[in-house]
Amino acid sequence: MVLTAQEESLISVVRALPPEEAGKVLDWARQLADLAGGRAVQWSDTWTDEDLAEATAAAVWRFEDQEREDR
């Protein structure tokens, strides 16, 4: 597999972290991948209003889902 420069940079940062912190980052990345639902991730330096609205909606949905599970 050929990695982009951004992917190589991300991997080098994660490798520099202590194992416990690297695990947290990888868990977070898996959660984000789940939210993407198989769609390609658009790498951008800026977020559009639509991006922020989608991220907010996903966060609220996940929070509400966890709240229902905790009851």
PDB file of N, CA and C in Angstrom:
ATOM      1  N   MET A   1       0.838  -1.167   0.000  1.00  0.00           N
ATOM      2  CA  MET A   1       0.000   0.000   0.000  1.00  0.00           C
ATOM      3  C   MET A   1       0.888   1.237   0.000  1.00  0.00           C
ATOM      4  N   VAL A   2       0.564   2.179  -0.852  1.00  0.00           N
ATOM      5  CA  VAL A   2       1.310   3.431  -0.927  1.00  0.00           C
ATOM      6  C   VAL A   2       0.578   4.468  -0.086  1.00  0.00           C
ATOM      7  N   LEU A   3       1.321   5.106   0.788  1.00  0.00           N
ATOM      8  CA  LEU A   3       0.739   6.116   1.671  1.00  0.00           C
ATOM      9  C   LEU A   3       0.993   7.515   1.129  1.00  0.00           C
ATOM     10  N   THR A   4       0.041   8.400   1.399  1.00  0.00           N
ATOM     11  CA  THR A   4       0.241   9.799   1.043  1.00  0.00           C
ATOM     12  C   THR A   4       1.174  10.431   2.073  1.00  0.00           C
ATOM     13  N   ALA A   5       1.653  11.618   1.757  1.00  0.00           N
ATOM     14  CA  ALA A   5       2.521  12.335   2.692  1.00  0.00           C
ATOM     15  C   ALA A   5       1.789  12.618   3.997  1.00  0.00           C
ATOM     16  N   GLN A   6       0.491  12.929   3.916  1.00  0.00           N
ATOM     17  CA  GLN A   6      -0.290  13.194   5.126  1.00  0.00           C
ATOM     18  C   GLN A   6      -0.423  11.938   5.975  1.00  0.00           C
ATOM     19  N   GLU A   7      -0.643  10.796   5.324  1.00  0.00           N
ATOM     20  CA  GLU A   7      -0.759   9.534   6.063  1.00  0.00           C
ATOM     21  C   GLU A   7       0.566   9.168   6.721  1.00  0.00           C
ATOM     22  N   GLU A   8       1.662   9.353   6.008  1.00  0.00           N
ATOM     23  CA  GLU A   8       2.984   9.066   6.586  1.00  0.00           C
ATOM     24  C   GLU A   8       3.266   9.973   7.774  1.00  0.00           C
ATOM     25  N   SER A   9       2.879  11.240   7.660  1.00  0.00           N
ATOM     26  CA  SER A   9       3.076  12.187   8.755  1.00  0.00           C
ATOM     27  C   SER A   9       2.269  11.769   9.975  1.00  0.00           C
ATOM     28  N   LEU A  10       1.024  11.378   9.759  1.00  0.00           N
ATOM     29  CA  LEU A  10       0.165  10.939  10.862  1.00  0.00           C
ATOM     30  C   LEU A  10       0.738   9.701  11.541  1.00  0.00           C
ATOM     31  N   ILE A  11       1.202   8.755  10.763  1.00  0.00           N
ATOM     32  CA  ILE A  11       1.775   7.533  11.333  1.00  0.00           C
ATOM     33  C   ILE A  11       3.006   7.849  12.166  1.00  0.00           C
ATOM     34  N   SER A  12       3.858   8.752  11.682  1.00  0.00           N
ATOM     35  CA  SER A  12       5.058   9.081  12.454  1.00  0.00           C
ATOM     36  C   SER A  12       4.708   9.758  13.773  1.00  0.00           C
ATOM     37  N   VAL A  13       3.667  10.572  13.775  1.00  0.00           N
ATOM     38  CA  VAL A  13       3.233  11.229  15.018  1.00  0.00           C
ATOM     39  C   VAL A  13       2.709  10.191  16.000  1.00  0.00           C
ATOM     40  N   VAL A  14       1.884   9.262  15.533  1.00  0.00           N
ATOM     41  CA  VAL A  14       1.314   8.237  16.409  1.00  0.00           C
ATOM     42  C   VAL A  14       2.424   7.345  16.968  1.00  0.00           C
ATOM     43  N   ARG A  15       3.387   7.002  16.145  1.00  0.00           N
ATOM     44  CA  ARG A  15       4.492   6.155  16.621  1.00  0.00           C
ATOM     45  C   ARG A  15       5.321   6.834  17.702  1.00  0.00           C
ATOM     46  N   ALA A  16       5.343   8.159  17.712  1.00  0.00           N
ATOM     47  CA  ALA A  16       6.129   8.892  18.705  1.00  0.00           C
ATOM     48  C   ALA A  16       5.427   8.978  20.060  1.00  0.00           C
ATOM     49  N   LEU A  17       4.155   8.653  20.099  1.00  0.00           N
ATOM     50  CA  LEU A  17       3.390   8.739  21.346  1.00  0.00           C
ATOM     51  C   LEU A  17       3.668   7.537  22.249  1.00  0.00           C
ATOM     52  N   PRO A  18       3.473   7.717  23.550  1.00  0.00           N
ATOM     53  CA  PRO A  18       3.532   6.562  24.454  1.00  0.00           C
ATOM     54  C   PRO A  18       2.429   5.572  24.041  1.00  0.00           C
ATOM     55  N   PRO A  19       2.638   4.272  24.259  1.00  0.00           N
ATOM     56  CA  PRO A  19       1.680   3.256  23.805  1.00  0.00           C
ATOM     57  C   PRO A  19       0.229   3.516  24.219  1.00  0.00           C
ATOM     58  N   GLU A  20       0.014   3.930  25.452  1.00  0.00           N
ATOM     59  CA  GLU A  20      -1.362   4.165  25.915  1.00  0.00           C
ATOM     60  C   GLU A  20      -2.019   5.307  25.133  1.00  0.00           C
ATOM     61  N   GLU A  21      -1.270   6.371  24.907  1.00  0.00           N
ATOM     62  CA  GLU A  21      -1.810   7.515  24.162  1.00  0.00           C
ATOM     63  C   GLU A  21      -2.010   7.161  22.688  1.00  0.00           C
ATOM     64  N   ALA A  22      -1.103   6.392  22.124  1.00  0.00           N
ATOM     65  CA  ALA A  22      -1.260   5.957  20.738  1.00  0.00           C
ATOM     66  C   ALA A  22      -2.528   5.123  20.589  1.00  0.00           C
ATOM     67  N   GLY A  23      -2.802   4.291  21.567  1.00  0.00           N
ATOM     68  CA  GLY A  23      -4.021   3.488  21.546  1.00  0.00           C
ATOM     69  C   GLY A  23      -5.267   4.354  21.548  1.00  0.00           C
ATOM     70  N   LYS A  24      -5.238   5.437  22.330  1.00  0.00           N
ATOM     71  CA  LYS A  24      -6.374   6.355  22.361  1.00  0.00           C
ATOM     72  C   LYS A  24      -6.585   7.012  21.000  1.00  0.00           C
ATOM     73  N   VAL A  25      -5.494   7.423  20.370  1.00  0.00           N
ATOM     74  CA  VAL A  25      -5.589   8.058  19.048  1.00  0.00           C
ATOM     75  C   VAL A  25      -6.141   7.070  18.029  1.00  0.00           C
ATOM     76  N   LEU A  26      -5.668   5.832  18.082  1.00  0.00           N
ATOM     77  CA  LEU A  26      -6.150   4.821  17.137  1.00  0.00           C
ATOM     78  C   LEU A  26      -7.622   4.495  17.376  1.00  0.00           C
ATOM     79  N   ASP A  27      -8.047   4.452  18.632  1.00  0.00           N
ATOM     80  CA  ASP A  27      -9.468   4.238  18.930  1.00  0.00           C
ATOM     81  C   ASP A  27     -10.308   5.381  18.363  1.00  0.00           C
ATOM     82  N   TRP A  28      -9.826   6.597  18.517  1.00  0.00           N
ATOM     83  CA  TRP A  28     -10.531   7.766  18.008  1.00  0.00           C
ATOM     84  C   TRP A  28     -10.612   7.706  16.477  1.00  0.00           C
ATOM     85  N   ALA A  29      -9.517   7.304  15.847  1.00  0.00           N
ATOM     86  CA  ALA A  29      -9.513   7.183  14.381  1.00  0.00           C
ATOM     87  C   ALA A  29     -10.513   6.128  13.918  1.00  0.00           C
ATOM     88  N   ARG A  30     -10.615   5.022  14.653  1.00  0.00           N
ATOM     89  CA  ARG A  30     -11.599   3.985  14.298  1.00  0.00           C
ATOM     90  C   ARG A  30     -13.023   4.517  14.424  1.00  0.00           C
ATOM     91  N   GLN A  31     -13.272   5.300  15.468  1.00  0.00           N
ATOM     92  CA  GLN A  31     -14.595   5.893  15.647  1.00  0.00           C
ATOM     93  C   GLN A  31     -14.923   6.836  14.494  1.00  0.00           C
ATOM     94  N   LEU A  32     -13.946   7.627  14.087  1.00  0.00           N
ATOM     95  CA  LEU A  32     -14.167   8.530  12.962  1.00  0.00           C
ATOM     96  C   LEU A  32     -14.414   7.754  11.676  1.00  0.00           C
ATOM     97  N   ALA A  33     -13.689   6.652  11.493  1.00  0.00           N
ATOM     98  CA  ALA A  33     -13.896   5.826  10.300  1.00  0.00           C
ATOM     99  C   ALA A  33     -15.290   5.229  10.304  1.00  0.00           C
ATOM    100  N   ASP A  34     -15.765   4.821  11.480  1.00  0.00           N
ATOM    101  CA  ASP A  34     -17.129   4.298  11.583  1.00  0.00           C
ATOM    102  C   ASP A  34     -18.153   5.367  11.200  1.00  0.00           C
ATOM    103  N   LEU A  35     -17.906   6.596  11.649  1.00  0.00           N
ATOM    104  CA  LEU A  35     -18.821   7.687  11.317  1.00  0.00           C
ATOM    105  C   LEU A  35     -18.836   7.977   9.821  1.00  0.00           C
ATOM    106  N   ALA A  36     -17.693   7.760   9.159  1.00  0.00           N
ATOM    107  CA  ALA A  36     -17.608   8.017   7.720  1.00  0.00           C
ATOM    108  C   ALA A  36     -18.454   7.024   6.932  1.00  0.00           C
ATOM    109  N   GLY A  37     -18.719   5.869   7.513  1.00  0.00           N
ATOM    110  CA  GLY A  37     -19.577   4.885   6.864  1.00  0.00           C
ATOM    111  C   GLY A  37     -19.089   4.434   5.503  1.00  0.00           C
ATOM    112  N   GLY A  38     -17.792   4.291   5.337  1.00  0.00           N
ATOM    113  CA  GLY A  38     -17.242   3.809   4.074  1.00  0.00           C
ATOM    114  C   GLY A  38     -17.015   4.895   3.030  1.00  0.00           C
ATOM    115  N   ARG A  39     -17.432   6.116   3.341  1.00  0.00           N
ATOM    116  CA  ARG A  39     -17.195   7.214   2.401  1.00  0.00           C
ATOM    117  C   ARG A  39     -15.751   7.651   2.490  1.00  0.00           C
ATOM    118  N   ALA A  40     -15.227   8.174   1.397  1.00  0.00           N
ATOM    119  CA  ALA A  40     -13.855   8.675   1.382  1.00  0.00           C
ATOM    120  C   ALA A  40     -13.751   9.900   2.278  1.00  0.00           C
ATOM    121  N   VAL A  41     -12.656   9.987   3.004  1.00  0.00           N
ATOM    122  CA  VAL A  41     -12.413  11.140   3.857  1.00  0.00           C
ATOM    123  C   VAL A  41     -11.796  12.234   2.999  1.00  0.00           C
ATOM    124  N   GLN A  42     -12.361  13.405   3.054  1.00  0.00           N
ATOM    125  CA  GLN A  42     -11.839  14.546   2.306  1.00  0.00           C
ATOM    126  C   GLN A  42     -10.819  15.267   3.186  1.00  0.00           C
ATOM    127  N   TRP A  43      -9.565  15.250   2.791  1.00  0.00           N
ATOM    128  CA  TRP A  43      -8.516  15.921   3.553  1.00  0.00           C
ATOM    129  C   TRP A  43      -8.530  17.391   3.186  1.00  0.00           C
ATOM    130  N   SER A  44      -8.743  18.235   4.161  1.00  0.00           N
ATOM    131  CA  SER A  44      -8.813  19.662   3.914  1.00  0.00           C
ATOM    132  C   SER A  44      -8.328  20.394   5.152  1.00  0.00           C
ATOM    133  N   ASP A  45      -7.814  21.559   4.929  1.00  0.00           N
ATOM    134  CA  ASP A  45      -7.356  22.375   6.052  1.00  0.00           C
ATOM    135  C   ASP A  45      -8.492  23.168   6.677  1.00  0.00           C
ATOM    136  N   THR A  46      -9.635  23.208   6.016  1.00  0.00           N
ATOM    137  CA  THR A  46     -10.753  23.981   6.536  1.00  0.00           C
ATOM    138  C   THR A  46     -12.012  23.135   6.549  1.00  0.00           C
ATOM    139  N   TRP A  47     -12.895  23.473   7.446  1.00  0.00           N
ATOM    140  CA  TRP A  47     -14.179  22.803   7.542  1.00  0.00           C
ATOM    141  C   TRP A  47     -15.242  23.730   6.972  1.00  0.00           C
ATOM    142  N   THR A  48     -16.133  23.184   6.200  1.00  0.00           N
ATOM    143  CA  THR A  48     -17.258  23.966   5.699  1.00  0.00           C
ATOM    144  C   THR A  48     -18.354  23.970   6.751  1.00  0.00           C
ATOM    145  N   ASP A  49     -19.340  24.835   6.565  1.00  0.00           N
ATOM    146  CA  ASP A  49     -20.489  24.843   7.481  1.00  0.00           C
ATOM    147  C   ASP A  49     -21.192  23.494   7.463  1.00  0.00           C
ATOM    148  N   GLU A  50     -21.247  22.878   6.279  1.00  0.00           N
ATOM    149  CA  GLU A  50     -21.869  21.553   6.165  1.00  0.00           C
ATOM    150  C   GLU A  50     -21.084  20.513   6.960  1.00  0.00           C
ATOM    151  N   ASP A  51     -19.747  20.579   6.902  1.00  0.00           N
ATOM    152  CA  ASP A  51     -18.905  19.653   7.674  1.00  0.00           C
ATOM    153  C   ASP A  51     -19.193  19.785   9.165  1.00  0.00           C
ATOM    154  N   LEU A  52     -19.252  21.024   9.638  1.00  0.00           N
ATOM    155  CA  LEU A  52     -19.505  21.258  11.061  1.00  0.00           C
ATOM    156  C   LEU A  52     -20.879  20.769  11.466  1.00  0.00           C
ATOM    157  N   ALA A  53     -21.867  20.989  10.616  1.00  0.00           N
ATOM    158  CA  ALA A  53     -23.225  20.526  10.923  1.00  0.00           C
ATOM    159  C   ALA A  53     -23.275  19.008  10.984  1.00  0.00           C
ATOM    160  N   GLU A  54     -22.618  18.337  10.037  1.00  0.00           N
ATOM    161  CA  GLU A  54     -22.602  16.870  10.035  1.00  0.00           C
ATOM    162  C   GLU A  54     -21.870  16.330  11.257  1.00  0.00           C
ATOM    163  N   ALA A  55     -20.739  16.929  11.608  1.00  0.00           N
ATOM    164  CA  ALA A  55     -19.970  16.469  12.769  1.00  0.00           C
ATOM    165  C   ALA A  55     -20.769  16.675  14.049  1.00  0.00           C
ATOM    166  N   THR A  56     -21.439  17.805  14.146  1.00  0.00           N
ATOM    167  CA  THR A  56     -22.252  18.081  15.325  1.00  0.00           C
ATOM    168  C   THR A  56     -23.396  17.081  15.440  1.00  0.00           C
ATOM    169  N   ALA A  57     -24.075  16.838  14.320  1.00  0.00           N
ATOM    170  CA  ALA A  57     -25.197  15.889  14.329  1.00  0.00           C
ATOM    171  C   ALA A  57     -24.716  14.489  14.710  1.00  0.00           C
ATOM    172  N   ALA A  58     -23.581  14.078  14.176  1.00  0.00           N
ATOM    173  CA  ALA A  58     -23.043  12.752  14.494  1.00  0.00           C
ATOM    174  C   ALA A  58     -22.671  12.654  15.969  1.00  0.00           C
ATOM    175  N   ALA A  59     -22.084  13.723  16.513  1.00  0.00           N
ATOM    176  CA  ALA A  59     -21.702  13.715  17.927  1.00  0.00           C
ATOM    177  C   ALA A  59     -22.931  13.642  18.829  1.00  0.00           C
ATOM    178  N   VAL A  60     -23.953  14.403  18.477  1.00  0.00           N
ATOM    179  CA  VAL A  60     -25.190  14.388  19.269  1.00  0.00           C
ATOM    180  C   VAL A  60     -25.836  13.022  19.195  1.00  0.00           C
ATOM    181  N   TRP A  61     -25.902  12.441  17.993  1.00  0.00           N
ATOM    182  CA  TRP A  61     -26.498  11.107  17.827  1.00  0.00           C
ATOM    183  C   TRP A  61     -25.746  10.078  18.663  1.00  0.00           C
ATOM    184  N   ARG A  62     -24.414  10.125  18.609  1.00  0.00           N
ATOM    185  CA  ARG A  62     -23.609   9.157  19.369  1.00  0.00           C
ATOM    186  C   ARG A  62     -23.816   9.336  20.873  1.00  0.00           C
ATOM    187  N   PHE A  63     -23.859  10.591  21.330  1.00  0.00           N
ATOM    188  CA  PHE A  63     -24.076  10.870  22.743  1.00  0.00           C
ATOM    189  C   PHE A  63     -25.439  10.339  23.186  1.00  0.00           C
ATOM    190  N   GLU A  64     -26.477  10.622  22.390  1.00  0.00           N
ATOM    191  CA  GLU A  64     -27.819  10.150  22.733  1.00  0.00           C
ATOM    192  C   GLU A  64     -27.887   8.626  22.733  1.00  0.00           C
ATOM    193  N   ASP A  65     -27.203   7.998  21.797  1.00  0.00           N
ATOM    194  CA  ASP A  65     -27.168   6.541  21.734  1.00  0.00           C
ATOM    195  C   ASP A  65     -26.505   5.969  22.983  1.00  0.00           C
ATOM    196  N   GLN A  66     -25.413   6.567  23.425  1.00  0.00           N
ATOM    197  CA  GLN A  66     -24.733   6.106  24.637  1.00  0.00           C
ATOM    198  C   GLN A  66     -25.597   6.334  25.866  1.00  0.00           C
ATOM    199  N   GLU A  67     -26.315   7.451  25.882  1.00  0.00           N
ATOM    200  CA  GLU A  67     -27.213   7.732  27.017  1.00  0.00           C
ATOM    201  C   GLU A  67     -28.301   6.661  27.116  1.00  0.00           C
ATOM    202  N   ARG A  68     -28.871   6.260  25.962  1.00  0.00           N
ATOM    203  CA  ARG A  68     -29.914   5.221  25.967  1.00  0.00           C
ATOM    204  C   ARG A  68     -29.332   3.893  26.457  1.00  0.00           C
ATOM    205  N   GLU A  69     -28.100   3.586  26.069  1.00  0.00           N
ATOM    206  CA  GLU A  69     -27.471   2.329  26.501  1.00  0.00           C
ATOM    207  C   GLU A  69     -27.206   2.317  28.001  1.00  0.00           C
ATOM    208  N   ASP A  70     -26.919   3.484  28.561  1.00  0.00           N
ATOM    209  CA  ASP A  70     -26.584   3.579  29.993  1.00  0.00           C
ATOM    210  C   ASP A  70     -27.812   3.459  30.884  1.00  0.00           C
ATOM    211  N   ARG A  71     -28.993   3.627  30.319  1.00  0.00           N
ATOM    212  CA  ARG A  71     -30.212   3.584  31.142  1.00  0.00           C
ATOM    213  C   ARG A  71     -30.652   2.191  31.450  1.00  0.00           C
TER     214      ARG A  71
END
